[in-house]
Amino acid sequence: MPHYMVQAAYTPESWAAQVKNPQDRAEALRPIIERLGGKLLSMYLAFGEYDVVGLAEMPDNVSSAAFSMAASAGGGVRAMKTTPLMTMQEAVEAMRKAGQAGYRPPT
């Protein structure tokens, strides 16, 4: 199953709610991801541009996009970014295909 990295930045209102009532958001998101046919592998608090980073398996791009849309539509995040991930085995396969593609830069 394809893997995705999801990064999200909470709104100030979301942070205020979580400071007032601390909660593990992974447990709130897990059933939503599972309803879409996926599995939440891990979730981390992060410093910087995004507040949380999650790694999930999803059946396909449509399911991953549906999760991102649902989370964004809820209003609790101000920014969200989804990155499709490849295993190293897939990366090596892509490198081999690239080497056989015959691409030549413009001259």
C-alpha atoms as a PDB file:
ATOM      1  CA  MET A   1       0.000   0.000   0.000  1.00  0.00           C
ATOM      2  CA  PRO A   2       1.377   3.488  -0.833  1.00  0.00           C
ATOM      3  CA  HIS A   3       2.799   5.611   1.986  1.00  0.00           C
ATOM      4  CA  TYR A   4       2.207   9.318   2.543  1.00  0.00           C
ATOM      5  CA  MET A   5       3.708  11.960   4.809  1.00  0.00           C
ATOM      6  CA  VAL A   6       1.130  14.497   5.967  1.00  0.00           C
ATOM      7  CA  GLN A   7       2.248  17.765   7.547  1.00  0.00           C
ATOM      8  CA  ALA A   8      -0.249  20.075   9.200  1.00  0.00           C
ATOM      9  CA  ALA A   9      -0.143  23.442  10.919  1.00  0.00           C
ATOM     10  CA  TYR A  10      -2.847  24.083  13.519  1.00  0.00           C
ATOM     11  CA  THR A  11      -4.826  27.292  13.759  1.00  0.00           C
ATOM     12  CA  PRO A  12      -4.354  29.388  16.923  1.00  0.00           C
ATOM     13  CA  GLU A  13      -7.839  28.275  17.986  1.00  0.00           C
ATOM     14  CA  SER A  14      -6.844  24.606  17.680  1.00  0.00           C
ATOM     15  CA  TRP A  15      -3.768  25.203  19.820  1.00  0.00           C
ATOM     16  CA  ALA A  16      -5.851  27.055  22.415  1.00  0.00           C
ATOM     17  CA  ALA A  17      -8.301  24.137  22.590  1.00  0.00           C
ATOM     18  CA  GLN A  18      -5.474  21.616  22.987  1.00  0.00           C
ATOM     19  CA  VAL A  19      -3.703  23.647  25.661  1.00  0.00           C
ATOM     20  CA  LYS A  20      -6.983  23.871  27.569  1.00  0.00           C
ATOM     21  CA  ASN A  21      -7.756  20.179  27.011  1.00  0.00           C
ATOM     22  CA  PRO A  22      -4.574  18.244  26.020  1.00  0.00           C
ATOM     23  CA  GLN A  23      -5.296  15.337  23.698  1.00  0.00           C
ATOM     24  CA  ASP A  24      -3.584  12.788  21.492  1.00  0.00           C
ATOM     25  CA  ARG A  25      -4.863  13.800  18.049  1.00  0.00           C
ATOM     26  CA  ALA A  26      -3.513  10.571  16.539  1.00  0.00           C
ATOM     27  CA  GLU A  27      -6.306   8.717  18.328  1.00  0.00           C
ATOM     28  CA  ALA A  28      -8.883  11.085  16.819  1.00  0.00           C
ATOM     29  CA  LEU A  29      -7.458  10.732  13.304  1.00  0.00           C
ATOM     30  CA  ARG A  30      -6.826   6.973  13.296  1.00  0.00           C
ATOM     31  CA  PRO A  31     -10.486   5.917  12.752  1.00  0.00           C
ATOM     32  CA  ILE A  32     -10.930   8.464   9.957  1.00  0.00           C
ATOM     33  CA  ILE A  33      -7.892   7.163   8.119  1.00  0.00           C
ATOM     34  CA  GLU A  34      -9.094   3.586   8.670  1.00  0.00           C
ATOM     35  CA  ARG A  35     -12.550   4.457   7.263  1.00  0.00           C
ATOM     36  CA  LEU A  36     -10.752   5.573   4.111  1.00  0.00           C
ATOM     37  CA  GLY A  37      -8.982   2.206   3.911  1.00  0.00           C
ATOM     38  CA  GLY A  38      -5.682   3.380   5.370  1.00  0.00           C
ATOM     39  CA  LYS A  39      -3.536   2.939   8.439  1.00  0.00           C
ATOM     40  CA  LEU A  40      -1.894   5.642  10.559  1.00  0.00           C
ATOM     41  CA  LEU A  41       1.685   4.453  11.092  1.00  0.00           C
ATOM     42  CA  SER A  42       2.974   7.275  13.284  1.00  0.00           C
ATOM     43  CA  MET A  43       2.394  10.896  14.213  1.00  0.00           C
ATOM     44  CA  TYR A  44       4.834  13.421  15.671  1.00  0.00           C
ATOM     45  CA  LEU A  45       4.798  16.938  17.051  1.00  0.00           C
ATOM     46  CA  ALA A  46       7.221  19.077  15.050  1.00  0.00           C
ATOM     47  CA  PHE A  47       8.842  22.476  15.353  1.00  0.00           C
ATOM     48  CA  GLY A  48       8.858  24.890  12.451  1.00  0.00           C
ATOM     49  CA  GLU A  49       6.463  25.557   9.607  1.00  0.00           C
ATOM     50  CA  TYR A  50       4.253  22.550  10.425  1.00  0.00           C
ATOM     51  CA  ASP A  51       3.093  21.497  13.881  1.00  0.00           C
ATOM     52  CA  VAL A  52       2.513  17.799  13.255  1.00  0.00           C
ATOM     53  CA  VAL A  53       3.879  15.186  10.874  1.00  0.00           C
ATOM     54  CA  GLY A  54       2.071  11.937  10.230  1.00  0.00           C
ATOM     55  CA  LEU A  55       3.002   8.855   8.243  1.00  0.00           C
ATOM     56  CA  ALA A  56       0.165   6.795   6.817  1.00  0.00           C
ATOM     57  CA  GLU A  57      -0.511   3.973   4.416  1.00  0.00           C
ATOM     58  CA  MET A  58      -3.423   4.745   2.107  1.00  0.00           C
ATOM     59  CA  PRO A  59      -4.910   2.625  -0.674  1.00  0.00           C
ATOM     60  CA  ASP A  60      -4.390   5.312  -3.332  1.00  0.00           C
ATOM     61  CA  ASN A  61      -4.026   9.025  -4.083  1.00  0.00           C
ATOM     62  CA  VAL A  62      -7.799   9.547  -4.047  1.00  0.00           C
ATOM     63  CA  SER A  63      -8.080   8.227  -0.475  1.00  0.00           C
ATOM     64  CA  SER A  64      -5.096  10.301   0.634  1.00  0.00           C
ATOM     65  CA  ALA A  65      -6.597  13.422  -0.949  1.00  0.00           C
ATOM     66  CA  ALA A  66      -9.959  12.675   0.708  1.00  0.00           C
ATOM     67  CA  PHE A  67      -8.293  12.611   4.131  1.00  0.00           C
ATOM     68  CA  SER A  68      -6.493  15.883   3.436  1.00  0.00           C
ATOM     69  CA  MET A  69      -9.723  17.520   2.246  1.00  0.00           C
ATOM     70  CA  ALA A  70     -11.694  16.300   5.255  1.00  0.00           C
ATOM     71  CA  ALA A  71      -9.045  17.523   7.707  1.00  0.00           C
ATOM     72  CA  SER A  72      -8.764  20.893   5.966  1.00  0.00           C
ATOM     73  CA  ALA A  73     -12.529  21.328   5.768  1.00  0.00           C
ATOM     74  CA  GLY A  74     -12.810  20.847   9.536  1.00  0.00           C
ATOM     75  CA  GLY A  75     -11.179  24.228  10.103  1.00  0.00           C
ATOM     76  CA  GLY A  76      -8.624  23.094  12.689  1.00  0.00           C
ATOM     77  CA  VAL A  77      -5.592  23.427  10.440  1.00  0.00           C
ATOM     78  CA  ARG A  78      -4.327  26.522   8.672  1.00  0.00           C
ATOM     79  CA  ALA A  79      -2.032  24.629   6.282  1.00  0.00           C
ATOM     80  CA  MET A  80      -1.638  21.046   5.152  1.00  0.00           C
ATOM     81  CA  LYS A  81       0.861  19.315   2.886  1.00  0.00           C
ATOM     82  CA  THR A  82       0.769  15.707   1.661  1.00  0.00           C
ATOM     83  CA  THR A  83       3.867  14.064   0.202  1.00  0.00           C
ATOM     84  CA  PRO A  84       3.707  10.660  -1.508  1.00  0.00           C
ATOM     85  CA  LEU A  85       6.584   8.451  -0.359  1.00  0.00           C
ATOM     86  CA  MET A  86       8.435   5.627  -2.091  1.00  0.00           C
ATOM     87  CA  THR A  87      10.315   2.740  -0.528  1.00  0.00           C
ATOM     88  CA  MET A  88      14.010   2.523  -1.322  1.00  0.00           C
ATOM     89  CA  GLN A  89      13.247  -0.554  -3.440  1.00  0.00           C
ATOM     90  CA  GLU A  90      10.803   1.530  -5.497  1.00  0.00           C
ATOM     91  CA  ALA A  91      13.381   4.329  -5.729  1.00  0.00           C
ATOM     92  CA  VAL A  92      16.019   1.952  -7.118  1.00  0.00           C
ATOM     93  CA  GLU A  93      13.477   0.663  -9.652  1.00  0.00           C
ATOM     94  CA  ALA A  94      12.719   4.258 -10.680  1.00  0.00           C
ATOM     95  CA  MET A  95      16.450   4.972 -11.040  1.00  0.00           C
ATOM     96  CA  ARG A  96      16.839   1.951 -13.308  1.00  0.00           C
ATOM     97  CA  LYS A  97      13.896   3.057 -15.443  1.00  0.00           C
ATOM     98  CA  ALA A  98      15.276   6.599 -15.608  1.00  0.00           C
ATOM     99  CA  GLY A  99      18.601   5.227 -16.816  1.00  0.00           C
ATOM    100  CA  GLN A 100      16.797   3.374 -19.625  1.00  0.00           C
ATOM    101  CA  ALA A 101      14.452   6.211 -20.580  1.00  0.00           C
ATOM    102  CA  GLY A 102      16.820   7.726 -23.143  1.00  0.00           C
ATOM    103  CA  TYR A 103      16.244  11.328 -22.054  1.00  0.00           C
ATOM    104  CA  ARG A 104      18.646  13.857 -23.535  1.00  0.00           C
ATOM    105  CA  PRO A 105      18.780  17.475 -22.354  1.00  0.00           C
ATOM    106  CA  PRO A 106      18.191  20.257 -24.874  1.00  0.00           C
ATOM    107  CA  THR A 107      21.245  21.233 -26.889  1.00  0.00           C
END
